[in-house]
């Protein structure tokens, strides 16, 4: 899993956890990068009165209450990627999960129209 995929999975998991805890509250998050000794070490998320810290090397996310006490923690090495699925639409309006097999060829350099310099 790439770093961007892991970040997407962490965001998705935090959002799902928050919506489970506060179903009526809107998901509004502030996010910042954490740097230690000049190196990237994780992310800091603030939502509602809570704060979550993703420790990249430890593969953990810890969620803290406003008073700083630990509320919840989970390991990031078990997260699934939240990769979006791509749906293709056929001409008749029905969805298809199969990609189109025909590829339009671009003209070769000698076939392309010549351009004049200005």
N, C-alpha and C. Protein backbone atom coordinates (compact mmCIF):
# COMPACT_ATOMS: atom_id res chain seq x y z
N UNK A 1 0.85 -1.17 0.00
CA UNK A 1 0.00 0.00 0.00
C UNK A 1 0.90 1.24 0.00
N UNK A 2 0.62 2.18 -0.88
CA UNK A 2 1.42 3.40 -0.94
C UNK A 2 1.07 4.33 0.22
N UNK A 3 1.90 5.34 0.43
CA UNK A 3 1.63 6.30 1.51
C UNK A 3 0.31 7.03 1.30
N UNK A 4 0.02 7.41 0.06
CA UNK A 4 -1.24 8.10 -0.20
C UNK A 4 -2.44 7.19 0.04
N UNK A 5 -2.29 5.90 -0.24
CA UNK A 5 -3.37 4.95 0.03
C UNK A 5 -3.56 4.77 1.53
N UNK A 6 -2.44 4.71 2.26
CA UNK A 6 -2.55 4.58 3.72
C UNK A 6 -3.22 5.81 4.32
N UNK A 7 -2.84 7.00 3.83
CA UNK A 7 -3.45 8.23 4.32
C UNK A 7 -4.95 8.24 4.03
N UNK A 8 -5.33 7.83 2.83
CA UNK A 8 -6.76 7.76 2.49
C UNK A 8 -7.49 6.78 3.39
N UNK A 9 -6.86 5.65 3.69
CA UNK A 9 -7.49 4.65 4.58
C UNK A 9 -7.62 5.19 6.00
N UNK A 10 -6.61 5.92 6.48
CA UNK A 10 -6.68 6.53 7.82
C UNK A 10 -7.81 7.55 7.86
N UNK A 11 -7.88 8.41 6.86
CA UNK A 11 -8.95 9.42 6.81
C UNK A 11 -10.32 8.75 6.81
N UNK A 12 -10.47 7.73 5.98
CA UNK A 12 -11.75 7.02 5.86
C UNK A 12 -12.12 6.36 7.19
N UNK A 13 -11.16 5.75 7.85
CA UNK A 13 -11.42 5.08 9.12
C UNK A 13 -11.79 6.09 10.21
N UNK A 14 -11.07 7.22 10.26
CA UNK A 14 -11.40 8.26 11.24
C UNK A 14 -12.81 8.80 11.02
N UNK A 15 -13.13 9.04 9.77
CA UNK A 15 -14.47 9.57 9.47
C UNK A 15 -15.55 8.58 9.88
N UNK A 16 -15.36 7.31 9.54
CA UNK A 16 -16.34 6.28 9.89
C UNK A 16 -16.47 6.16 11.41
N UNK A 17 -15.34 6.19 12.11
CA UNK A 17 -15.38 6.10 13.57
C UNK A 17 -16.13 7.29 14.16
N UNK A 18 -15.84 8.49 13.67
CA UNK A 18 -16.48 9.71 14.19
C UNK A 18 -17.98 9.69 13.91
N UNK A 19 -18.37 9.28 12.72
CA UNK A 19 -19.79 9.24 12.39
C UNK A 19 -20.53 8.18 13.18
N UNK A 20 -19.82 7.15 13.62
CA UNK A 20 -20.41 6.15 14.50
C UNK A 20 -20.64 6.73 15.89
N UNK A 21 -19.68 7.53 16.35
CA UNK A 21 -19.75 8.13 17.68
C UNK A 21 -20.71 9.32 17.72
N UNK A 22 -20.70 10.12 16.68
CA UNK A 22 -21.49 11.35 16.61
C UNK A 22 -22.29 11.37 15.29
N UNK A 23 -23.31 10.54 15.15
CA UNK A 23 -23.99 10.43 13.86
C UNK A 23 -24.64 11.72 13.38
N UNK A 24 -25.04 12.59 14.28
CA UNK A 24 -25.70 13.83 13.88
C UNK A 24 -24.73 14.98 13.63
N UNK A 25 -23.48 14.82 14.03
CA UNK A 25 -22.49 15.89 13.87
C UNK A 25 -21.87 15.86 12.47
N UNK A 26 -21.66 17.03 11.88
CA UNK A 26 -21.01 17.05 10.55
C UNK A 26 -19.53 16.72 10.68
N UNK A 27 -18.98 16.13 9.62
CA UNK A 27 -17.57 15.79 9.59
C UNK A 27 -16.79 17.00 9.08
N UNK A 28 -16.18 17.71 10.01
CA UNK A 28 -15.34 18.85 9.67
C UNK A 28 -14.00 18.60 10.33
N UNK A 29 -12.96 18.48 9.52
CA UNK A 29 -11.65 18.10 10.05
C UNK A 29 -10.59 19.10 9.63
N UNK A 30 -9.68 19.39 10.54
CA UNK A 30 -8.48 20.17 10.24
C UNK A 30 -7.31 19.20 10.32
N UNK A 31 -6.43 19.25 9.35
CA UNK A 31 -5.35 18.27 9.26
C UNK A 31 -4.02 18.99 9.12
N UNK A 32 -3.01 18.49 9.82
CA UNK A 32 -1.67 19.06 9.69
C UNK A 32 -0.63 17.95 9.69
N UNK A 33 0.50 18.25 9.07
CA UNK A 33 1.61 17.29 8.98
C UNK A 33 2.48 17.44 10.21
N UNK A 34 2.97 16.32 10.73
CA UNK A 34 3.88 16.35 11.89
C UNK A 34 5.29 16.06 11.41
N UNK A 35 6.22 16.92 11.80
CA UNK A 35 7.63 16.78 11.46
C UNK A 35 8.42 16.67 12.76
N UNK A 36 9.30 15.67 12.84
CA UNK A 36 10.17 15.51 14.01
C UNK A 36 11.60 15.40 13.51
N UNK A 37 12.47 16.25 14.01
CA UNK A 37 13.89 16.28 13.61
C UNK A 37 14.05 16.38 12.10
N UNK A 38 13.16 17.13 11.46
CA UNK A 38 13.24 17.35 10.03
C UNK A 38 12.66 16.24 9.17
N UNK A 39 12.05 15.23 9.77
CA UNK A 39 11.50 14.12 9.03
C UNK A 39 9.99 14.01 9.28
N UNK A 40 9.28 13.61 8.24
CA UNK A 40 7.84 13.38 8.34
C UNK A 40 7.60 12.21 9.29
N UNK A 41 6.72 12.42 10.27
CA UNK A 41 6.45 11.32 11.21
C UNK A 41 4.96 11.02 11.37
N UNK A 42 4.09 11.82 10.76
CA UNK A 42 2.67 11.51 10.87
C UNK A 42 1.77 12.69 10.56
N UNK A 43 0.53 12.56 10.98
CA UNK A 43 -0.48 13.59 10.76
C UNK A 43 -1.26 13.82 12.04
N UNK A 44 -1.74 15.04 12.16
CA UNK A 44 -2.56 15.45 13.28
C UNK A 44 -3.92 15.84 12.71
N UNK A 45 -5.00 15.30 13.25
CA UNK A 45 -6.36 15.57 12.79
C UNK A 45 -7.15 16.15 13.96
N UNK A 46 -7.91 17.20 13.71
CA UNK A 46 -8.81 17.76 14.73
C UNK A 46 -10.22 17.76 14.15
N UNK A 47 -11.14 17.19 14.92
CA UNK A 47 -12.54 17.16 14.51
C UNK A 47 -13.39 17.22 15.77
N UNK A 48 -14.36 18.11 15.75
CA UNK A 48 -15.16 18.33 16.95
C UNK A 48 -14.25 18.76 18.09
N UNK A 49 -14.41 18.15 19.24
CA UNK A 49 -13.54 18.45 20.38
C UNK A 49 -12.41 17.42 20.49
N UNK A 50 -12.28 16.56 19.50
CA UNK A 50 -11.31 15.47 19.55
C UNK A 50 -10.08 15.77 18.71
N UNK A 51 -9.02 15.06 19.02
CA UNK A 51 -7.77 15.15 18.25
C UNK A 51 -7.29 13.74 18.01
N UNK A 52 -6.88 13.46 16.78
CA UNK A 52 -6.32 12.16 16.43
C UNK A 52 -4.92 12.38 15.90
N UNK A 53 -4.02 11.48 16.26
CA UNK A 53 -2.64 11.55 15.80
C UNK A 53 -2.31 10.23 15.13
N UNK A 54 -1.83 10.32 13.89
CA UNK A 54 -1.38 9.14 13.15
C UNK A 54 0.13 9.11 13.25
N UNK A 55 0.64 8.10 13.92
CA UNK A 55 2.08 7.88 14.06
C UNK A 55 2.49 6.88 12.97
N UNK A 56 3.13 7.37 11.93
CA UNK A 56 3.43 6.54 10.75
C UNK A 56 4.35 5.37 11.09
N UNK A 57 5.46 5.63 11.77
CA UNK A 57 6.41 4.55 12.06
C UNK A 57 5.83 3.50 12.99
N UNK A 58 5.01 3.93 13.95
CA UNK A 58 4.40 2.99 14.88
C UNK A 58 3.16 2.32 14.31
N UNK A 59 2.70 2.81 13.14
CA UNK A 59 1.50 2.29 12.48
C UNK A 59 0.31 2.31 13.42
N UNK A 60 0.11 3.46 14.06
CA UNK A 60 -0.99 3.63 15.01
C UNK A 60 -1.68 4.97 14.81
N UNK A 61 -2.97 4.99 15.10
CA UNK A 61 -3.72 6.23 15.20
C UNK A 61 -4.30 6.24 16.61
N UNK A 62 -4.07 7.34 17.32
CA UNK A 62 -4.61 7.50 18.67
C UNK A 62 -5.55 8.69 18.67
N UNK A 63 -6.71 8.50 19.25
CA UNK A 63 -7.72 9.55 19.33
C UNK A 63 -7.80 10.01 20.78
N UNK A 64 -7.67 11.32 20.95
CA UNK A 64 -7.64 11.91 22.28
C UNK A 64 -8.85 12.80 22.50
N UNK A 65 -9.33 12.82 23.76
CA UNK A 65 -10.40 13.73 24.15
C UNK A 65 -9.81 15.13 24.34
N UNK A 66 -10.67 16.12 24.56
CA UNK A 66 -10.23 17.50 24.72
C UNK A 66 -9.29 17.67 25.90
N UNK A 67 -9.46 16.85 26.95
CA UNK A 67 -8.59 16.95 28.13
C UNK A 67 -7.26 16.21 27.96
N UNK A 68 -7.04 15.60 26.79
CA UNK A 68 -5.78 14.91 26.50
C UNK A 68 -5.78 13.43 26.83
N UNK A 69 -6.85 12.93 27.39
CA UNK A 69 -6.90 11.50 27.72
C UNK A 69 -7.18 10.68 26.47
N UNK A 70 -6.58 9.50 26.42
CA UNK A 70 -6.72 8.61 25.27
C UNK A 70 -8.12 8.02 25.24
N UNK A 71 -8.80 8.19 24.11
CA UNK A 71 -10.16 7.70 23.95
C UNK A 71 -10.20 6.38 23.18
N UNK A 72 -9.38 6.29 22.12
CA UNK A 72 -9.40 5.11 21.26
C UNK A 72 -8.08 5.03 20.50
N UNK A 73 -7.66 3.84 20.15
CA UNK A 73 -6.45 3.65 19.34
C UNK A 73 -6.68 2.48 18.40
N UNK A 74 -6.08 2.55 17.23
CA UNK A 74 -6.14 1.43 16.30
C UNK A 74 -4.87 1.37 15.48
N UNK A 75 -4.56 0.17 15.00
CA UNK A 75 -3.37 -0.07 14.19
C UNK A 75 -3.70 0.22 12.73
N UNK A 76 -2.77 0.86 12.04
CA UNK A 76 -3.02 1.18 10.62
C UNK A 76 -2.56 0.08 9.69
N UNK A 77 -1.80 -0.88 10.18
CA UNK A 77 -1.33 -1.95 9.29
C UNK A 77 -2.44 -2.92 8.90
N UNK A 78 -3.61 -2.81 9.52
CA UNK A 78 -4.72 -3.70 9.19
C UNK A 78 -5.82 -3.00 8.40
N UNK A 79 -5.60 -1.74 8.06
CA UNK A 79 -6.62 -0.99 7.32
C UNK A 79 -6.68 -1.46 5.88
N UNK A 80 -7.87 -1.46 5.34
CA UNK A 80 -8.08 -1.77 3.93
C UNK A 80 -7.93 -0.49 3.14
N UNK A 81 -7.48 -0.61 1.92
CA UNK A 81 -7.40 0.57 1.07
C UNK A 81 -8.81 0.93 0.64
N UNK A 82 -9.09 2.19 0.66
CA UNK A 82 -10.39 2.67 0.23
C UNK A 82 -10.35 3.10 -1.22
N UNK A 83 -9.71 2.28 -2.05
CA UNK A 83 -9.56 2.64 -3.45
C UNK A 83 -10.93 2.72 -4.10
N UNK A 84 -11.18 3.81 -4.81
CA UNK A 84 -12.48 3.95 -5.46
C UNK A 84 -12.63 2.96 -6.61
N UNK A 85 -13.84 2.54 -6.82
CA UNK A 85 -14.10 1.67 -7.96
C UNK A 85 -14.53 2.54 -9.12
N UNK A 86 -14.14 2.16 -10.30
CA UNK A 86 -14.47 2.93 -11.49
C UNK A 86 -15.62 2.24 -12.19
N UNK A 87 -16.65 3.00 -12.50
CA UNK A 87 -17.77 2.44 -13.24
C UNK A 87 -17.79 3.08 -14.61
N UNK A 88 -17.92 2.23 -15.60
CA UNK A 88 -18.00 2.70 -16.98
C UNK A 88 -19.44 2.62 -17.42
N UNK A 89 -19.85 3.56 -18.25
CA UNK A 89 -21.23 3.59 -18.72
C UNK A 89 -21.26 3.30 -20.21
N UNK A 90 -22.18 2.43 -20.58
CA UNK A 90 -22.34 2.10 -21.99
C UNK A 90 -23.33 3.08 -22.61
N UNK A 91 -23.41 3.06 -23.92
CA UNK A 91 -24.25 4.01 -24.65
C UNK A 91 -25.72 3.91 -24.25
N UNK A 92 -26.19 2.71 -23.91
CA UNK A 92 -27.61 2.57 -23.59
C UNK A 92 -27.92 2.95 -22.14
N UNK A 93 -26.94 3.46 -21.41
CA UNK A 93 -27.18 3.94 -20.07
C UNK A 93 -26.93 2.93 -18.97
N UNK A 94 -26.62 1.68 -19.33
CA UNK A 94 -26.36 0.68 -18.31
C UNK A 94 -24.89 0.71 -17.91
N UNK A 95 -24.67 0.38 -16.65
CA UNK A 95 -23.31 0.37 -16.14
C UNK A 95 -22.60 -0.91 -16.56
N UNK A 96 -21.30 -0.79 -16.75
CA UNK A 96 -20.48 -1.94 -17.09
C UNK A 96 -19.20 -1.85 -16.29
N UNK A 97 -18.75 -2.96 -15.77
CA UNK A 97 -17.48 -2.96 -15.05
C UNK A 97 -16.33 -3.36 -15.96
N UNK A 98 -16.64 -3.69 -17.20
CA UNK A 98 -15.62 -4.09 -18.15
C UNK A 98 -15.11 -2.87 -18.90
N UNK A 99 -13.79 -2.72 -18.99
CA UNK A 99 -13.26 -1.60 -19.77
C UNK A 99 -13.45 -1.84 -21.26
N UNK A 100 -13.50 -0.75 -21.98
CA UNK A 100 -13.62 -0.85 -23.42
C UNK A 100 -12.32 -1.37 -24.00
N UNK A 101 -12.41 -2.26 -24.99
CA UNK A 101 -11.19 -2.86 -25.52
C UNK A 101 -10.61 -2.10 -26.70
N UNK A 102 -11.40 -1.27 -27.36
CA UNK A 102 -10.87 -0.54 -28.51
C UNK A 102 -10.12 0.70 -28.05
N UNK A 103 -9.01 0.95 -28.72
CA UNK A 103 -8.18 2.10 -28.39
C UNK A 103 -7.99 2.90 -29.66
N UNK A 104 -8.23 4.20 -29.58
CA UNK A 104 -8.06 5.06 -30.76
C UNK A 104 -6.59 5.36 -30.93
N UNK A 105 -6.09 5.13 -32.12
CA UNK A 105 -4.68 5.36 -32.40
C UNK A 105 -4.45 6.84 -32.70
N UNK A 106 -3.38 7.38 -32.17
CA UNK A 106 -3.01 8.75 -32.50
C UNK A 106 -2.17 8.72 -33.76
N UNK A 107 -2.24 9.77 -34.58
CA UNK A 107 -1.47 9.76 -35.83
C UNK A 107 0.02 9.80 -35.54
N UNK A 108 0.78 9.11 -36.39
CA UNK A 108 2.24 9.13 -36.26
C UNK A 108 2.74 10.52 -36.61
N UNK A 109 3.98 10.80 -36.30
CA UNK A 109 4.56 12.13 -36.51
C UNK A 109 4.47 12.56 -37.96
N UNK A 110 4.68 11.63 -38.91
CA UNK A 110 4.62 12.01 -40.32
C UNK A 110 3.19 12.23 -40.79
N UNK A 111 2.19 11.67 -40.09
CA UNK A 111 0.80 11.84 -40.46
C UNK A 111 0.19 13.08 -39.84
N UNK A 112 0.79 13.59 -38.79
CA UNK A 112 0.23 14.75 -38.09
C UNK A 112 0.39 15.99 -38.94
N UNK A 113 -0.57 16.92 -38.87
CA UNK A 113 -0.47 18.14 -39.67
C UNK A 113 0.71 18.97 -39.18
N UNK A 114 1.37 19.63 -40.13
CA UNK A 114 2.53 20.46 -39.81
C UNK A 114 2.08 21.77 -39.20
N UNK A 115 2.85 22.28 -38.26
CA UNK A 115 2.55 23.57 -37.64
C UNK A 115 3.63 24.56 -38.05
N UNK A 116 3.21 25.77 -38.24
CA UNK A 116 4.15 26.81 -38.62
C UNK A 116 4.58 27.59 -37.38
N UNK A 117 5.83 27.96 -37.37
CA UNK A 117 6.34 28.76 -36.26
C UNK A 117 5.86 30.20 -36.44
N UNK A 118 5.56 30.84 -35.34
CA UNK A 118 5.06 32.22 -35.41
C UNK A 118 6.20 33.21 -35.45
